[in-house]
Amino acid sequence: MKDLSPHNRKGKFMEEKKYEEAVRMYLDDVYRLALSITSNEADAADVCQETFIKLSQSRRSFESDVHLKNWLLKVCANEASVSSQ
């Protein structure tokens, strides 16, 4: 059974808010990198989507957002490299 205490609801909301903030802050940077590697707008959009999916799957493992942008760009570069093969 899920724990629906206010503390847990608030914590969940904050995680979603941080994720949404990261998307807003870094989407342009991730897309530009993906486009520079793939040279194709559709592929770049797919790479962005995969990059942010990976973030959503692992965002709980981040203790700090200090290196989030670097992590996103590295994941993006890896995804774009795989996509362009």
PDB file of N, CA and C in Angstrom:
ATOM      1  N   MET A   1       0.842  -1.183   0.000  1.00  0.00           N
ATOM      2  CA  MET A   1       0.000   0.000   0.000  1.00  0.00           C
ATOM      3  C   MET A   1       0.885   1.243   0.000  1.00  0.00           C
ATOM      4  N   LYS A   2       0.536   2.228  -0.808  1.00  0.00           N
ATOM      5  CA  LYS A   2       1.318   3.455  -0.889  1.00  0.00           C
ATOM      6  C   LYS A   2       1.159   4.286   0.362  1.00  0.00           C
ATOM      7  N   ASP A   3       2.243   4.941   0.752  1.00  0.00           N
ATOM      8  CA  ASP A   3       2.200   5.884   1.861  1.00  0.00           C
ATOM      9  C   ASP A   3       1.798   7.236   1.284  1.00  0.00           C
ATOM     10  N   LEU A   4       0.634   7.731   1.667  1.00  0.00           N
ATOM     11  CA  LEU A   4       0.125   8.986   1.127  1.00  0.00           C
ATOM     12  C   LEU A   4       0.273  10.136   2.110  1.00  0.00           C
ATOM     13  N   SER A   5       1.256  10.055   2.975  1.00  0.00           N
ATOM     14  CA  SER A   5       1.453  11.140   3.926  1.00  0.00           C
ATOM     15  C   SER A   5       1.847  12.408   3.190  1.00  0.00           C
ATOM     16  N   PRO A   6       1.543  13.568   3.745  1.00  0.00           N
ATOM     17  CA  PRO A   6       1.884  14.830   3.070  1.00  0.00           C
ATOM     18  C   PRO A   6       3.371  14.957   2.757  1.00  0.00           C
ATOM     19  N   HIS A   7       4.191  14.411   3.631  1.00  0.00           N
ATOM     20  CA  HIS A   7       5.637  14.491   3.386  1.00  0.00           C
ATOM     21  C   HIS A   7       5.998  13.801   2.071  1.00  0.00           C
ATOM     22  N   ASN A   8       5.483  12.594   1.863  1.00  0.00           N
ATOM     23  CA  ASN A   8       5.787  11.870   0.635  1.00  0.00           C
ATOM     24  C   ASN A   8       5.196  12.553  -0.588  1.00  0.00           C
ATOM     25  N   ARG A   9       3.983  13.073  -0.484  1.00  0.00           N
ATOM     26  CA  ARG A   9       3.396  13.782  -1.618  1.00  0.00           C
ATOM     27  C   ARG A   9       4.226  15.005  -1.959  1.00  0.00           C
ATOM     28  N   LYS A  10       4.659  15.729  -0.946  1.00  0.00           N
ATOM     29  CA  LYS A  10       5.469  16.920  -1.197  1.00  0.00           C
ATOM     30  C   LYS A  10       6.800  16.535  -1.823  1.00  0.00           C
ATOM     31  N   GLY A  11       7.430  15.496  -1.323  1.00  0.00           N
ATOM     32  CA  GLY A  11       8.704  15.052  -1.892  1.00  0.00           C
ATOM     33  C   GLY A  11       8.558  14.662  -3.350  1.00  0.00           C
ATOM     34  N   LYS A  12       7.498  13.952  -3.686  1.00  0.00           N
ATOM     35  CA  LYS A  12       7.253  13.544  -5.066  1.00  0.00           C
ATOM     36  C   LYS A  12       7.048  14.777  -5.943  1.00  0.00           C
ATOM     37  N   PHE A  13       6.271  15.732  -5.476  1.00  0.00           N
ATOM     38  CA  PHE A  13       6.033  16.954  -6.223  1.00  0.00           C
ATOM     39  C   PHE A  13       7.340  17.693  -6.487  1.00  0.00           C
ATOM     40  N   MET A  14       8.178  17.759  -5.494  1.00  0.00           N
ATOM     41  CA  MET A  14       9.443  18.475  -5.654  1.00  0.00           C
ATOM     42  C   MET A  14      10.320  17.780  -6.691  1.00  0.00           C
ATOM     43  N   GLU A  15      10.326  16.463  -6.717  1.00  0.00           N
ATOM     44  CA  GLU A  15      11.121  15.759  -7.721  1.00  0.00           C
ATOM     45  C   GLU A  15      10.605  16.075  -9.120  1.00  0.00           C
ATOM     46  N   GLU A  16       9.308  16.059  -9.296  1.00  0.00           N
ATOM     47  CA  GLU A  16       8.726  16.367 -10.604  1.00  0.00           C
ATOM     48  C   GLU A  16       9.026  17.804 -10.989  1.00  0.00           C
ATOM     49  N   LYS A  17       8.959  18.698 -10.020  1.00  0.00           N
ATOM     50  CA  LYS A  17       9.242  20.112 -10.278  1.00  0.00           C
ATOM     51  C   LYS A  17      10.697  20.285 -10.708  1.00  0.00           C
ATOM     52  N   LYS A  18      11.615  19.591 -10.041  1.00  0.00           N
ATOM     53  CA  LYS A  18      13.031  19.670 -10.418  1.00  0.00           C
ATOM     54  C   LYS A  18      13.253  19.125 -11.823  1.00  0.00           C
ATOM     55  N   TYR A  19      12.572  18.032 -12.154  1.00  0.00           N
ATOM     56  CA  TYR A  19      12.696  17.452 -13.486  1.00  0.00           C
ATOM     57  C   TYR A  19      12.205  18.434 -14.538  1.00  0.00           C
ATOM     58  N   GLU A  20      11.044  19.000 -14.313  1.00  0.00           N
ATOM     59  CA  GLU A  20      10.491  19.969 -15.263  1.00  0.00           C
ATOM     60  C   GLU A  20      11.406  21.183 -15.410  1.00  0.00           C
ATOM     61  N   GLU A  21      11.987  21.613 -14.314  1.00  0.00           N
ATOM     62  CA  GLU A  21      12.918  22.743 -14.354  1.00  0.00           C
ATOM     63  C   GLU A  21      14.162  22.384 -15.175  1.00  0.00           C
ATOM     64  N   ALA A  22      14.662  21.183 -15.002  1.00  0.00           N
ATOM     65  CA  ALA A  22      15.835  20.743 -15.766  1.00  0.00           C
ATOM     66  C   ALA A  22      15.523  20.713 -17.257  1.00  0.00           C
ATOM     67  N   VAL A  23      14.338  20.244 -17.614  1.00  0.00           N
ATOM     68  CA  VAL A  23      13.950  20.216 -19.028  1.00  0.00           C
ATOM     69  C   VAL A  23      13.920  21.640 -19.574  1.00  0.00           C
ATOM     70  N   ARG A  24      13.282  22.537 -18.845  1.00  0.00           N
ATOM     71  CA  ARG A  24      13.217  23.939 -19.300  1.00  0.00           C
ATOM     72  C   ARG A  24      14.605  24.560 -19.437  1.00  0.00           C
ATOM     73  N   MET A  25      15.465  24.281 -18.478  1.00  0.00           N
ATOM     74  CA  MET A  25      16.784  24.917 -18.462  1.00  0.00           C
ATOM     75  C   MET A  25      17.726  24.365 -19.524  1.00  0.00           C
ATOM     76  N   TYR A  26      17.654  23.063 -19.804  1.00  0.00           N
ATOM     77  CA  TYR A  26      18.690  22.432 -20.616  1.00  0.00           C
ATOM     78  C   TYR A  26      18.232  21.872 -21.948  1.00  0.00           C
ATOM     79  N   LEU A  27      16.956  21.950 -22.265  1.00  0.00           N
ATOM     80  CA  LEU A  27      16.465  21.382 -23.516  1.00  0.00           C
ATOM     81  C   LEU A  27      17.167  21.981 -24.736  1.00  0.00           C
ATOM     82  N   ASP A  28      17.320  23.288 -24.771  1.00  0.00           N
ATOM     83  CA  ASP A  28      17.976  23.920 -25.921  1.00  0.00           C
ATOM     84  C   ASP A  28      19.421  23.454 -26.085  1.00  0.00           C
ATOM     85  N   ASP A  29      20.148  23.374 -24.985  1.00  0.00           N
ATOM     86  CA  ASP A  29      21.547  22.924 -25.050  1.00  0.00           C
ATOM     87  C   ASP A  29      21.642  21.480 -25.534  1.00  0.00           C
ATOM     88  N   VAL A  30      20.759  20.640 -25.006  1.00  0.00           N
ATOM     89  CA  VAL A  30      20.762  19.226 -25.395  1.00  0.00           C
ATOM     90  C   VAL A  30      20.397  19.097 -26.875  1.00  0.00           C
ATOM     91  N   TYR A  31      19.393  19.837 -27.305  1.00  0.00           N
ATOM     92  CA  TYR A  31      18.976  19.757 -28.707  1.00  0.00           C
ATOM     93  C   TYR A  31      20.086  20.243 -29.645  1.00  0.00           C
ATOM     94  N   ARG A  32      20.733  21.351 -29.303  1.00  0.00           N
ATOM     95  CA  ARG A  32      21.814  21.862 -30.160  1.00  0.00           C
ATOM     96  C   ARG A  32      22.946  20.855 -30.288  1.00  0.00           C
ATOM     97  N   LEU A  33      23.315  20.211 -29.191  1.00  0.00           N
ATOM     98  CA  LEU A  33      24.365  19.205 -29.249  1.00  0.00           C
ATOM     99  C   LEU A  33      23.923  18.021 -30.100  1.00  0.00           C
ATOM    100  N   ALA A  34      22.700  17.563 -29.886  1.00  0.00           N
ATOM    101  CA  ALA A  34      22.182  16.427 -30.659  1.00  0.00           C
ATOM    102  C   ALA A  34      22.151  16.755 -32.145  1.00  0.00           C
ATOM    103  N   LEU A  35      21.725  17.954 -32.488  1.00  0.00           N
ATOM    104  CA  LEU A  35      21.663  18.361 -33.889  1.00  0.00           C
ATOM    105  C   LEU A  35      23.056  18.471 -34.497  1.00  0.00           C
ATOM    106  N   SER A  36      24.008  18.947 -33.720  1.00  0.00           N
ATOM    107  CA  SER A  36      25.377  19.070 -34.246  1.00  0.00           C
ATOM    108  C   SER A  36      26.001  17.701 -34.516  1.00  0.00           C
ATOM    109  N   ILE A  37      25.574  16.685 -33.781  1.00  0.00           N
ATOM    110  CA  ILE A  37      26.122  15.347 -33.982  1.00  0.00           C
ATOM    111  C   ILE A  37      25.355  14.588 -35.067  1.00  0.00           C
ATOM    112  N   THR A  38      24.026  14.695 -35.058  1.00  0.00           N
ATOM    113  CA  THR A  38      23.221  13.909 -35.999  1.00  0.00           C
ATOM    114  C   THR A  38      23.011  14.599 -37.338  1.00  0.00           C
ATOM    115  N   SER A  39      23.073  15.924 -37.359  1.00  0.00           N
ATOM    116  CA  SER A  39      22.809  16.730 -38.570  1.00  0.00           C
ATOM    117  C   SER A  39      21.417  16.463 -39.140  1.00  0.00           C
ATOM    118  N   ASN A  40      20.489  16.098 -38.278  1.00  0.00           N
ATOM    119  CA  ASN A  40      19.132  15.786 -38.718  1.00  0.00           C
ATOM    120  C   ASN A  40      18.175  16.194 -37.598  1.00  0.00           C
ATOM    121  N   GLU A  41      17.205  17.049 -37.914  1.00  0.00           N
ATOM    122  CA  GLU A  41      16.306  17.570 -36.882  1.00  0.00           C
ATOM    123  C   GLU A  41      15.468  16.481 -36.215  1.00  0.00           C
ATOM    124  N   ALA A  42      14.959  15.547 -36.999  1.00  0.00           N
ATOM    125  CA  ALA A  42      14.137  14.475 -36.425  1.00  0.00           C
ATOM    126  C   ALA A  42      14.965  13.583 -35.496  1.00  0.00           C
ATOM    127  N   ASP A  43      16.176  13.238 -35.943  1.00  0.00           N
ATOM    128  CA  ASP A  43      17.048  12.422 -35.099  1.00  0.00           C
ATOM    129  C   ASP A  43      17.440  13.185 -33.834  1.00  0.00           C
ATOM    130  N   ALA A  44      17.697  14.468 -33.970  1.00  0.00           N
ATOM    131  CA  ALA A  44      18.060  15.284 -32.807  1.00  0.00           C
ATOM    132  C   ALA A  44      16.914  15.325 -31.800  1.00  0.00           C
ATOM    133  N   ALA A  45      15.690  15.447 -32.291  1.00  0.00           N
ATOM    134  CA  ALA A  45      14.528  15.440 -31.396  1.00  0.00           C
ATOM    135  C   ALA A  45      14.406  14.096 -30.680  1.00  0.00           C
ATOM    136  N   ASP A  46      14.642  13.009 -31.405  1.00  0.00           N
ATOM    137  CA  ASP A  46      14.603  11.675 -30.785  1.00  0.00           C
ATOM    138  C   ASP A  46      15.677  11.542 -29.712  1.00  0.00           C
ATOM    139  N   VAL A  47      16.865  12.040 -30.004  1.00  0.00           N
ATOM    140  CA  VAL A  47      17.967  11.982 -29.040  1.00  0.00           C
ATOM    141  C   VAL A  47      17.612  12.778 -27.786  1.00  0.00           C
ATOM    142  N   CYS A  48      17.018  13.949 -27.972  1.00  0.00           N
ATOM    143  CA  CYS A  48      16.590  14.754 -26.817  1.00  0.00           C
ATOM    144  C   CYS A  48      15.593  13.978 -25.968  1.00  0.00           C
ATOM    145  N   GLN A  49      14.637  13.374 -26.630  1.00  0.00           N
ATOM    146  CA  GLN A  49      13.634  12.609 -25.901  1.00  0.00           C
ATOM    147  C   GLN A  49      14.281  11.479 -25.111  1.00  0.00           C
ATOM    148  N   GLU A  50      15.173  10.736 -25.734  1.00  0.00           N
ATOM    149  CA  GLU A  50      15.851   9.637 -25.039  1.00  0.00           C
ATOM    150  C   GLU A  50      16.695  10.156 -23.871  1.00  0.00           C
ATOM    151  N   THR A  51      17.344  11.288 -24.068  1.00  0.00           N
ATOM    152  CA  THR A  51      18.176  11.871 -23.009  1.00  0.00           C
ATOM    153  C   THR A  51      17.334  12.214 -21.791  1.00  0.00           C
ATOM    154  N   PHE A  52      16.194  12.861 -22.007  1.00  0.00           N
ATOM    155  CA  PHE A  52      15.365  13.248 -20.873  1.00  0.00           C
ATOM    156  C   PHE A  52      14.599  12.065 -20.285  1.00  0.00           C
ATOM    157  N   ILE A  53      14.368  11.037 -21.058  1.00  0.00           N
ATOM    158  CA  ILE A  53      13.812   9.805 -20.495  1.00  0.00           C
ATOM    159  C   ILE A  53      14.822   9.201 -19.524  1.00  0.00           C
ATOM    160  N   LYS A  54      16.079   9.175 -19.929  1.00  0.00           N
ATOM    161  CA  LYS A  54      17.121   8.642 -19.038  1.00  0.00           C
ATOM    162  C   LYS A  54      17.203   9.470 -17.754  1.00  0.00           C
ATOM    163  N   LEU A  55      17.051  10.788 -17.885  1.00  0.00           N
ATOM    164  CA  LEU A  55      17.046  11.631 -16.694  1.00  0.00           C
ATOM    165  C   LEU A  55      15.873  11.277 -15.793  1.00  0.00           C
ATOM    166  N   SER A  56      14.707  11.095 -16.367  1.00  0.00           N
ATOM    167  CA  SER A  56      13.535  10.785 -15.543  1.00  0.00           C
ATOM    168  C   SER A  56      13.696   9.440 -14.842  1.00  0.00           C
ATOM    169  N   GLN A  57      14.406   8.517 -15.469  1.00  0.00           N
ATOM    170  CA  GLN A  57      14.613   7.207 -14.863  1.00  0.00           C
ATOM    171  C   GLN A  57      15.674   7.232 -13.772  1.00  0.00           C
ATOM    172  N   SER A  58      16.583   8.181 -13.824  1.00  0.00           N
ATOM    173  CA  SER A  58      17.676   8.178 -12.858  1.00  0.00           C
ATOM    174  C   SER A  58      17.739   9.418 -11.983  1.00  0.00           C
ATOM    175  N   ARG A  59      16.771  10.289 -12.075  1.00  0.00           N
ATOM    176  CA  ARG A  59      16.855  11.564 -11.355  1.00  0.00           C
ATOM    177  C   ARG A  59      16.923  11.392  -9.852  1.00  0.00           C
ATOM    178  N   ARG A  60      16.434  10.289  -9.338  1.00  0.00           N
ATOM    179  CA  ARG A  60      16.491  10.082  -7.892  1.00  0.00           C
ATOM    180  C   ARG A  60      17.901   9.757  -7.417  1.00  0.00           C
ATOM    181  N   SER A  61      18.758   9.390  -8.331  1.00  0.00           N
ATOM    182  CA  SER A  61      20.126   9.071  -7.935  1.00  0.00           C
ATOM    183  C   SER A  61      20.999  10.326  -7.840  1.00  0.00           C
ATOM    184  N   PHE A  62      20.460  11.473  -8.254  1.00  0.00           N
ATOM    185  CA  PHE A  62      21.222  12.711  -8.162  1.00  0.00           C
ATOM    186  C   PHE A  62      21.113  13.288  -6.769  1.00  0.00           C
ATOM    187  N   GLU A  63      22.255  13.477  -6.130  1.00  0.00           N
ATOM    188  CA  GLU A  63      22.262  14.121  -4.829  1.00  0.00           C
ATOM    189  C   GLU A  63      22.356  15.630  -4.994  1.00  0.00           C
ATOM    190  N   SER A  64      22.858  16.068  -6.141  1.00  0.00           N
ATOM    191  CA  SER A  64      23.058  17.487  -6.389  1.00  0.00           C
ATOM    192  C   SER A  64      22.819  17.771  -7.862  1.00  0.00           C
ATOM    193  N   ASP A  65      22.352  18.969  -8.168  1.00  0.00           N
ATOM    194  CA  ASP A  65      22.144  19.366  -9.555  1.00  0.00           C
ATOM    195  C   ASP A  65      23.370  20.065 -10.143  1.00  0.00           C
ATOM    196  N   VAL A  66      24.449  20.104  -9.382  1.00  0.00           N
ATOM    197  CA  VAL A  66      25.646  20.831  -9.810  1.00  0.00           C
ATOM    198  C   VAL A  66      26.169  20.324 -11.150  1.00  0.00           C
ATOM    199  N   HIS A  67      26.186  19.035 -11.341  1.00  0.00           N
ATOM    200  CA  HIS A  67      26.740  18.460 -12.563  1.00  0.00           C
ATOM    201  C   HIS A  67      25.664  17.931 -13.513  1.00  0.00           C
ATOM    202  N   LEU A  68      24.435  18.341 -13.303  1.00  0.00           N
ATOM    203  CA  LEU A  68      23.329  17.837 -14.118  1.00  0.00           C
ATOM    204  C   LEU A  68      23.501  18.178 -15.591  1.00  0.00           C
ATOM    205  N   LYS A  69      23.868  19.405 -15.908  1.00  0.00           N
ATOM    206  CA  LYS A  69      24.029  19.790 -17.313  1.00  0.00           C
ATOM    207  C   LYS A  69      25.101  18.954 -17.988  1.00  0.00           C
ATOM    208  N   ASN A  70      26.224  18.767 -17.328  1.00  0.00           N
ATOM    209  CA  ASN A  70      27.294  17.954 -17.909  1.00  0.00           C
ATOM    210  C   ASN A  70      26.833  16.520 -18.122  1.00  0.00           C
ATOM    211  N   TRP A  71      26.080  15.978 -17.162  1.00  0.00           N
ATOM    212  CA  TRP A  71      25.565  14.622 -17.291  1.00  0.00           C
ATOM    213  C   TRP A  71      24.622  14.530 -18.487  1.00  0.00           C
ATOM    214  N   LEU A  72      23.722  15.505 -18.607  1.00  0.00           N
ATOM    215  CA  LEU A  72      22.782  15.506 -19.730  1.00  0.00           C
ATOM    216  C   LEU A  72      23.506  15.569 -21.069  1.00  0.00           C
ATOM    217  N   LEU A  73      24.516  16.420 -21.172  1.00  0.00           N
ATOM    218  CA  LEU A  73      25.239  16.556 -22.437  1.00  0.00           C
ATOM    219  C   LEU A  73      26.019  15.288 -22.765  1.00  0.00           C
ATOM    220  N   LYS A  74      26.544  14.625 -21.757  1.00  0.00           N
ATOM    221  CA  LYS A  74      27.258  13.372 -22.005  1.00  0.00           C
ATOM    222  C   LYS A  74      26.294  12.282 -22.469  1.00  0.00           C
ATOM    223  N   VAL A  75      25.141  12.181 -21.820  1.00  0.00           N
ATOM    224  CA  VAL A  75      24.135  11.200 -22.230  1.00  0.00           C
ATOM    225  C   VAL A  75      23.670  11.521 -23.636  1.00  0.00           C
ATOM    226  N   CYS A  76      23.451  12.798 -23.930  1.00  0.00           N
ATOM    227  CA  CYS A  76      23.021  13.224 -25.252  1.00  0.00           C
ATOM    228  C   CYS A  76      24.053  12.824 -26.299  1.00  0.00           C
ATOM    229  N   ALA A  77      25.319  13.097 -26.042  1.00  0.00           N
ATOM    230  CA  ALA A  77      26.371  12.743 -26.989  1.00  0.00           C
ATOM    231  C   ALA A  77      26.412  11.242 -27.240  1.00  0.00           C
ATOM    232  N   ASN A  78      26.265  10.457 -26.182  1.00  0.00           N
ATOM    233  CA  ASN A  78      26.256   8.999 -26.334  1.00  0.00           C
ATOM    234  C   ASN A  78      25.047   8.549 -27.137  1.00  0.00           C
ATOM    235  N   GLU A  79      23.880   9.079 -26.829  1.00  0.00           N
ATOM    236  CA  GLU A  79      22.665   8.727 -27.557  1.00  0.00           C
ATOM    237  C   GLU A  79      22.771   9.138 -29.033  1.00  0.00           C
ATOM    238  N   ALA A  80      23.312  10.309 -29.288  1.00  0.00           N
ATOM    239  CA  ALA A  80      23.451  10.791 -30.675  1.00  0.00           C
ATOM    240  C   ALA A  80      24.434   9.932 -31.448  1.00  0.00           C
ATOM    241  N   SER A  81      25.494   9.505 -30.799  1.00  0.00           N
ATOM    242  CA  SER A  81      26.485   8.646 -31.465  1.00  0.00           C
ATOM    243  C   SER A  81      25.865   7.311 -31.863  1.00  0.00           C
ATOM    244  N   VAL A  82      25.073   6.751 -30.955  1.00  0.00           N
ATOM    245  CA  VAL A  82      24.395   5.486 -31.240  1.00  0.00           C
ATOM    246  C   VAL A  82      23.365   5.702 -32.348  1.00  0.00           C
ATOM    247  N   SER A  83      22.668   6.812 -32.297  1.00  0.00           N
ATOM    248  CA  SER A  83      21.624   7.115 -33.280  1.00  0.00           C
ATOM    249  C   SER A  83      22.180   7.287 -34.685  1.00  0.00           C
ATOM    250  N   SER A  84      23.381   7.833 -34.786  1.00  0.00           N
ATOM    251  CA  SER A  84      23.948   8.111 -36.118  1.00  0.00           C
ATOM    252  C   SER A  84      24.737   6.931 -36.698  1.00  0.00           C
ATOM    253  N   GLN A  85      24.755   5.817 -36.006  1.00  0.00           N
ATOM    254  CA  GLN A  85      25.462   4.640 -36.528  1.00  0.00           C
ATOM    255  C   GLN A  85      24.620   3.877 -37.513  1.00  0.00           C
TER     256      GLN A  85
END
